[in-house]
Amino acid sequence: MKDIELPRKVLTGENAIYEIDEVVVELDLAGKPMILCDPTTKKIAGDTVASELEEGTTIMEGMEDKELEMLASQVIGEDLEYIIGVGGGRVLDAGKFIAFNTKRPFISVPTSAAHDGIASPQASLKTDKPISLRVHSPLGVVADTKIIAGSPKRMVAAGAADAISNYTAVLDWQLAHRENDEYYGDYAAALSQMSAQIVMDNSERIGKDVSILIEALISSGVAIGIAGSSRPCSGAEHLFSHSLDLICEKPALHGEQCGVGTIMMASLHEADWLEVKNALAKCGAPTTAKGLGIPAETIIKALVKATSVRDRYTILRKGLTESEATDLATKTGVIE
């Protein structure tokens, strides 16, 4: 048995943020909210949300366990009825985590489209050790394309790379179904694949029309909700990215790392890794270790370590030796 959790209301488009009060009414939410943002996103959109709802904002400074616990205590202590996360992945994940632990509804208001956490029932917390937790899907999503289009181009490219990484995630899911008898959902897999393919097919347009990317990332989150796990959107390419997070002092963006991982995992699957690499390049995403700003030797270490990051059956099921990892990264042009 599995729960299928999906957002009840998704609003996208230019100036969508000015309709958040109507979204709150439509979702039958009442009482005082916590409007969670960081110092930057407060200026970008948090103050606007607060003005529309005639409420104040709560500034989140970090992701430490103590701060998350303090914010959760504030929700309960001040009898706040629902939570609105206004920001990028860090703020949205923290908001989902706090909402889940305080049993409050959550509304997602992304200010960038750097990864697929906008509408997913997953929260990635970079505390002492990066972890991904199953939470509830946002009850509502308000994605203002004007605000997101104004985010740094690097963030948009990273979001495109995260969507494209669904390509190998689904291949890993199919592999796990065939060889390890894991549950496989055709609909969730098809939705995830479609999200990746539409970004790849429109890779040259992503920087000019973020609505394509936003819809793909929201669809990815919905696929996760339908599947009841992150399987449709997280495979060996994500294990590689998490491995880099653990090894690197200064990792690249999550989506950037997943994109480079997708190139290599597509090669292991004997899929069209060149198509993936070309699409990433057209989106403006990195395709090499140099583009990530990460040394070649660290890429090799991350590939070798990736299979031990979490217990997930993927194309890396047997692990890679240092020699095999070097050959893979060299063959795909990730390292020279």
Protein backbone atom coordinates (compact mmCIF):
# COMPACT_ATOMS: atom_id res chain seq x y z
CA MET A 1 0.00 0.00 0.00
CA LYS A 2 1.23 3.51 -0.82
CA ASP A 3 -0.12 7.02 -0.43
CA ILE A 4 -0.38 9.21 -3.52
CA GLU A 5 0.12 12.83 -2.54
CA LEU A 6 -0.31 15.65 -5.03
CA PRO A 7 -0.66 19.44 -4.75
CA ARG A 8 -4.29 20.56 -4.78
CA LYS A 9 -3.55 23.89 -6.46
CA VAL A 10 -0.75 24.87 -8.84
CA LEU A 11 -0.63 28.43 -10.15
CA THR A 12 2.07 29.49 -12.61
CA GLY A 13 2.53 32.56 -14.75
CA GLU A 14 3.71 36.15 -14.68
CA ASN A 15 2.67 38.00 -11.51
CA ALA A 16 1.16 34.83 -10.04
CA ILE A 17 2.50 35.88 -6.66
CA TYR A 18 -0.11 38.65 -6.44
CA GLU A 19 -2.84 36.01 -6.40
CA ILE A 20 -1.53 34.11 -3.39
CA ASP A 21 -4.32 35.46 -1.19
CA GLU A 22 -6.84 33.86 -3.56
CA VAL A 23 -4.90 30.58 -3.47
CA VAL A 24 -5.04 30.60 0.33
CA VAL A 25 -8.81 31.09 0.22
CA GLU A 26 -9.27 28.39 -2.43
CA LEU A 27 -7.33 25.94 -0.27
CA ASP A 28 -9.60 26.75 2.70
CA LEU A 29 -6.66 27.90 4.82
CA ALA A 30 -7.41 30.22 7.70
CA GLY A 31 -5.50 31.73 10.58
CA LYS A 32 -2.00 33.14 10.75
CA PRO A 33 0.77 31.66 8.54
CA MET A 34 4.52 31.40 8.93
CA ILE A 35 6.03 33.01 5.81
CA LEU A 36 9.47 31.45 5.70
CA CYS A 37 12.27 33.00 3.62
CA ASP A 38 15.94 33.87 3.79
CA PRO A 39 17.35 37.44 3.75
CA THR A 40 17.66 37.43 -0.06
CA THR A 41 14.30 35.88 -0.94
CA LYS A 42 12.59 38.16 1.58
CA LYS A 43 13.44 41.06 -0.71
CA ILE A 44 12.71 39.15 -3.94
CA ALA A 45 9.28 37.82 -3.01
CA GLY A 46 8.81 37.32 0.73
CA ASP A 47 7.79 40.92 1.40
CA THR A 48 5.28 40.76 -1.45
CA VAL A 49 3.68 37.60 -0.07
CA ALA A 50 3.55 39.18 3.38
CA SER A 51 1.94 42.32 1.95
CA GLU A 52 -0.69 40.36 0.01
CA LEU A 53 -1.62 38.40 3.14
CA GLU A 54 -1.05 41.32 5.52
CA GLU A 55 1.36 39.26 7.62
CA GLY A 56 5.00 39.38 8.67
CA THR A 57 7.89 37.18 7.51
CA THR A 58 10.15 34.76 9.38
CA ILE A 59 13.80 34.85 8.32
CA MET A 60 15.65 31.54 8.17
CA GLU A 61 19.41 31.87 8.55
CA GLY A 62 20.62 28.27 8.23
CA MET A 63 19.73 24.59 8.05
CA GLU A 64 21.11 23.41 11.39
CA ASP A 65 19.02 20.97 13.41
CA LYS A 66 18.63 23.47 16.24
CA GLU A 67 17.24 26.19 13.97
CA LEU A 68 14.74 23.84 12.34
CA GLU A 69 13.60 22.69 15.79
CA MET A 70 13.30 26.32 16.92
CA LEU A 71 11.18 27.22 13.89
CA ALA A 72 8.95 24.20 14.47
CA SER A 73 8.51 25.27 18.10
CA GLN A 74 7.61 28.77 16.92
CA VAL A 75 4.88 27.36 14.65
CA ILE A 76 3.31 25.49 17.56
CA GLY A 77 3.95 28.18 20.18
CA GLU A 78 2.43 30.99 18.12
CA ASP A 79 -0.38 28.74 16.87
CA LEU A 80 0.50 29.32 13.22
CA GLU A 81 -1.96 27.45 11.00
CA TYR A 82 0.03 26.93 7.79
CA ILE A 83 3.48 27.54 6.33
CA ILE A 84 4.50 29.33 3.15
CA GLY A 85 8.05 28.77 1.92
CA VAL A 86 9.37 31.59 -0.26
CA GLY A 87 12.75 30.86 -1.81
CA GLY A 88 14.99 28.31 -3.42
CA GLY A 89 15.53 24.69 -2.55
CA ARG A 90 16.97 25.32 0.91
CA VAL A 91 13.98 27.35 2.10
CA LEU A 92 11.38 25.12 0.44
CA ASP A 93 12.91 21.95 1.88
CA ALA A 94 13.08 23.49 5.35
CA GLY A 95 9.47 24.63 5.03
CA LYS A 96 8.30 21.17 3.96
CA PHE A 97 10.23 19.59 6.82
CA ILE A 98 8.78 21.95 9.43
CA ALA A 99 5.26 21.61 8.00
CA PHE A 100 5.53 17.82 8.10
CA ASN A 101 6.74 17.75 11.71
CA THR A 102 4.12 20.22 12.93
CA LYS A 103 1.31 18.67 10.84
CA ARG A 104 0.65 21.96 9.01
CA PRO A 105 -0.25 22.52 5.35
CA PHE A 106 2.54 23.94 3.16
CA ILE A 107 2.49 26.30 0.19
CA SER A 108 5.54 26.42 -2.08
CA VAL A 109 6.53 29.79 -3.59
CA PRO A 110 9.76 29.19 -5.54
CA THR A 111 12.00 32.13 -6.42
CA SER A 112 14.23 29.98 -8.61
CA ALA A 113 13.94 26.72 -10.53
CA ALA A 114 17.24 25.07 -9.63
CA HIS A 115 15.83 21.61 -8.78
CA ASP A 116 12.68 19.51 -8.65
CA GLY A 117 11.80 20.12 -5.00
CA ILE A 118 9.20 22.75 -5.95
CA ALA A 119 6.26 20.32 -5.76
CA SER A 120 7.76 17.06 -4.49
CA PRO A 121 7.09 15.22 -1.22
CA GLN A 122 10.84 15.09 -0.51
CA ALA A 123 13.00 17.36 1.64
CA SER A 124 16.79 17.36 1.27
CA LEU A 125 18.44 18.65 4.42
CA LYS A 126 22.14 19.48 4.41
CA THR A 127 22.78 19.21 8.12
CA ASP A 128 25.80 17.32 9.49
CA LYS A 129 25.24 14.76 6.71
CA PRO A 130 23.05 15.38 3.64
CA ILE A 131 19.79 13.45 3.99
CA SER A 132 16.61 13.16 1.93
CA LEU A 133 13.39 12.71 3.86
CA ARG A 134 9.88 11.75 2.79
CA VAL A 135 7.49 14.55 3.79
CA HIS A 136 4.13 15.75 2.43
CA SER A 137 3.66 17.32 -0.98
CA PRO A 138 2.91 21.04 -0.89
CA LEU A 139 -0.81 21.69 -0.69
CA GLY A 140 -0.30 24.52 -3.16
CA VAL A 141 2.38 25.86 -5.50
CA VAL A 142 2.59 29.47 -6.67
CA ALA A 143 5.34 29.82 -9.28
CA ASP A 144 5.73 33.35 -10.61
CA THR A 145 7.54 33.06 -13.93
CA LYS A 146 8.63 36.71 -13.85
CA ILE A 147 10.41 36.22 -10.53
CA ILE A 148 11.97 32.90 -11.54
CA ALA A 149 13.10 34.30 -14.91
CA GLY A 150 14.96 36.98 -12.96
CA SER A 151 16.99 34.43 -11.00
CA PRO A 152 20.64 33.81 -12.02
CA LYS A 153 21.03 31.94 -15.31
CA ARG A 154 23.14 29.36 -13.50
CA MET A 155 20.13 28.43 -11.34
CA VAL A 156 17.90 27.95 -14.39
CA ALA A 157 20.55 25.77 -16.07
CA ALA A 158 20.91 23.69 -12.89
CA GLY A 159 17.14 23.14 -12.79
CA ALA A 160 17.19 22.01 -16.42
CA ALA A 161 20.01 19.57 -15.60
CA ASP A 162 18.04 18.18 -12.64
CA ALA A 163 15.03 17.59 -14.92
CA ILE A 164 17.23 15.92 -17.54
CA SER A 165 18.62 13.60 -14.85
CA ASN A 166 15.22 11.87 -14.80
CA TYR A 167 16.47 10.20 -18.00
CA THR A 168 18.83 7.84 -16.15
CA ALA A 169 16.77 7.74 -12.95
CA VAL A 170 13.99 5.94 -14.83
CA LEU A 171 16.50 3.60 -16.50
CA ASP A 172 17.74 2.68 -13.00
CA TRP A 173 14.16 2.17 -11.81
CA GLN A 174 13.48 -0.17 -14.73
CA LEU A 175 16.71 -2.04 -13.94
CA ALA A 176 15.71 -2.44 -10.29
CA HIS A 177 12.31 -3.76 -11.38
CA ARG A 178 13.82 -6.32 -13.76
CA GLU A 179 16.67 -7.54 -11.60
CA ASN A 180 15.55 -6.80 -8.03
CA ASP A 181 11.77 -7.16 -8.30
CA GLU A 182 11.14 -3.59 -7.12
CA TYR A 183 7.79 -1.91 -7.63
CA TYR A 184 7.70 0.03 -10.91
CA GLY A 185 4.98 2.48 -11.83
CA ASP A 186 4.45 2.99 -15.56
CA TYR A 187 2.56 6.26 -15.16
CA ALA A 188 5.04 7.88 -12.78
CA ALA A 189 7.94 6.71 -14.94
CA ALA A 190 6.33 8.06 -18.12
CA LEU A 191 5.66 11.42 -16.46
CA SER A 192 9.26 11.63 -15.29
CA GLN A 193 10.63 10.64 -18.70
CA MET A 194 8.40 13.19 -20.42
CA SER A 195 9.70 15.91 -18.10
CA ALA A 196 13.28 15.06 -19.04
CA GLN A 197 12.55 14.77 -22.74
CA ILE A 198 10.67 18.06 -23.04
CA VAL A 199 13.60 19.90 -21.45
CA MET A 200 16.06 18.13 -23.75
CA ASP A 201 13.94 18.88 -26.81
CA ASN A 202 13.67 22.56 -25.82
CA SER A 203 17.16 22.97 -24.34
CA GLU A 204 17.98 26.05 -26.42
CA ARG A 205 14.76 27.79 -25.26
CA ILE A 206 15.02 27.11 -21.52
CA GLY A 207 16.92 30.31 -20.78
CA LYS A 208 14.31 32.38 -22.64
CA ASP A 209 11.13 30.63 -21.51
CA VAL A 210 11.30 29.33 -17.94
CA SER A 211 7.68 28.14 -18.06
CA ILE A 212 8.85 24.98 -19.88
CA LEU A 213 11.27 24.22 -17.08
CA ILE A 214 8.84 25.07 -14.29
CA GLU A 215 6.21 22.73 -15.71
CA ALA A 216 8.80 19.95 -16.09
CA LEU A 217 10.04 20.35 -12.51
CA ILE A 218 6.49 20.43 -11.12
CA SER A 219 5.68 17.31 -13.15
CA SER A 220 8.75 15.62 -11.69
CA GLY A 221 7.49 16.37 -8.20
CA VAL A 222 4.08 14.96 -9.12
CA ALA A 223 5.76 11.79 -10.45
CA ILE A 224 7.45 11.34 -7.07
CA GLY A 225 4.10 11.81 -5.33
CA ILE A 226 2.44 9.19 -7.55
CA ALA A 227 5.28 6.68 -7.15
CA GLY A 228 5.41 7.11 -3.39
CA SER A 229 9.19 7.46 -3.55
CA SER A 230 11.88 9.50 -5.28
CA ARG A 231 12.59 6.59 -7.67
CA PRO A 232 11.26 8.33 -10.84
CA CYS A 233 13.69 11.22 -10.41
CA SER A 234 16.64 9.86 -8.45
CA GLY A 235 19.03 7.12 -9.51
CA ALA A 236 22.78 6.61 -9.75
CA GLU A 237 23.29 10.17 -11.01
CA HIS A 238 21.90 11.42 -7.68
CA LEU A 239 24.09 9.00 -5.73
CA PHE A 240 27.06 10.53 -7.56
CA SER A 241 25.88 14.04 -6.65
CA HIS A 242 25.35 13.14 -2.97
CA SER A 243 28.79 11.54 -2.96
CA LEU A 244 30.30 14.80 -4.23
CA ASP A 245 28.44 16.69 -1.49
CA LEU A 246 30.13 14.50 1.12
CA ILE A 247 33.60 14.73 -0.43
CA CYS A 248 33.84 18.34 -1.69
CA GLU A 249 34.49 21.35 0.47
CA LYS A 250 32.70 23.45 -2.14
CA PRO A 251 30.35 21.29 -4.20
CA ALA A 252 28.64 22.63 -7.30
CA LEU A 253 24.85 23.06 -7.45
CA HIS A 254 22.80 19.90 -6.99
CA GLY A 255 21.34 19.98 -10.50
CA GLU A 256 24.74 20.66 -12.08
CA GLN A 257 26.24 17.61 -10.39
CA CYS A 258 23.27 15.43 -11.31
CA GLY A 259 23.58 16.55 -14.92
CA VAL A 260 27.21 15.49 -15.17
CA GLY A 261 26.31 12.26 -13.38
CA THR A 262 23.58 11.63 -15.96
CA ILE A 263 26.11 11.76 -18.80
CA MET A 264 28.19 9.03 -17.18
CA MET A 265 25.28 6.86 -16.02
CA ALA A 266 23.71 7.03 -19.49
CA SER A 267 26.98 5.63 -20.83
CA LEU A 268 26.86 2.74 -18.32
CA HIS A 269 23.28 2.03 -19.43
CA GLU A 270 24.49 2.07 -23.06
CA ALA A 271 22.02 4.89 -23.70
CA ASP A 272 22.62 8.02 -25.78
CA TRP A 273 24.94 9.89 -23.42
CA LEU A 274 25.97 12.29 -26.20
CA GLU A 275 22.36 13.44 -26.56
CA VAL A 276 22.30 14.14 -22.83
CA LYS A 277 25.63 15.98 -22.96
CA ASN A 278 24.58 18.15 -25.91
CA ALA A 279 21.26 19.05 -24.28
CA LEU A 280 22.99 20.06 -21.06
CA ALA A 281 25.44 22.24 -22.99
CA LYS A 282 22.58 23.97 -24.83
CA CYS A 283 20.91 24.68 -21.48
CA GLY A 284 24.14 26.27 -20.24
CA ALA A 285 24.79 23.53 -17.68
CA PRO A 286 28.26 22.07 -17.01
CA THR A 287 29.24 18.83 -18.75
CA THR A 288 32.76 18.38 -17.33
CA ALA A 289 34.60 18.30 -14.03
CA LYS A 290 36.19 21.61 -15.00
CA GLY A 291 32.76 23.11 -15.59
CA LEU A 292 31.71 21.99 -12.12
CA GLY A 293 34.88 23.47 -10.65
CA ILE A 294 35.75 20.09 -9.15
CA PRO A 295 39.12 18.31 -9.60
CA ALA A 296 39.21 15.17 -11.75
CA GLU A 297 40.45 13.04 -8.87
CA THR A 298 37.43 14.06 -6.80
CA ILE A 299 35.08 12.97 -9.60
CA ILE A 300 36.75 9.54 -9.54
CA LYS A 301 36.46 9.28 -5.74
CA ALA A 302 32.79 10.25 -5.90
CA LEU A 303 32.06 7.60 -8.53
CA VAL A 304 33.74 4.90 -6.44
CA LYS A 305 32.00 6.02 -3.25
CA ALA A 306 28.56 6.63 -4.80
CA THR A 307 27.21 3.12 -4.35
CA SER A 308 27.69 3.36 -0.56
CA VAL A 309 25.81 6.65 -0.16
CA ARG A 310 22.41 4.96 0.17
CA ASP A 311 20.86 1.56 -0.31
CA ARG A 312 19.36 1.98 -3.79
CA TYR A 313 19.61 -0.53 -6.65
CA THR A 314 21.08 1.24 -9.68
CA ILE A 315 23.47 0.72 -12.57
CA LEU A 316 26.19 1.14 -9.94
CA ARG A 317 24.89 -1.96 -8.11
CA LYS A 318 28.26 -3.73 -8.41
CA GLY A 319 30.29 -0.60 -7.70
CA LEU A 320 33.16 0.82 -9.74
CA THR A 321 36.86 0.37 -9.21
CA GLU A 322 39.07 3.44 -9.46
CA SER A 323 40.24 2.24 -12.87
CA GLU A 324 36.66 1.71 -14.11
CA ALA A 325 35.59 5.12 -12.80
CA THR A 326 38.52 6.78 -14.56
CA ASP A 327 37.72 5.04 -17.83
CA LEU A 328 34.05 6.08 -17.60
CA ALA A 329 34.78 9.72 -16.84
CA THR A 330 37.40 9.86 -19.59
CA LYS A 331 35.24 8.15 -22.22
CA THR A 332 32.40 10.64 -21.67
CA GLY A 333 34.74 13.64 -21.60
CA VAL A 334 33.92 14.52 -18.00
CA ILE A 335 37.64 14.47 -17.25
CA GLU A 336 40.53 14.87 -19.67
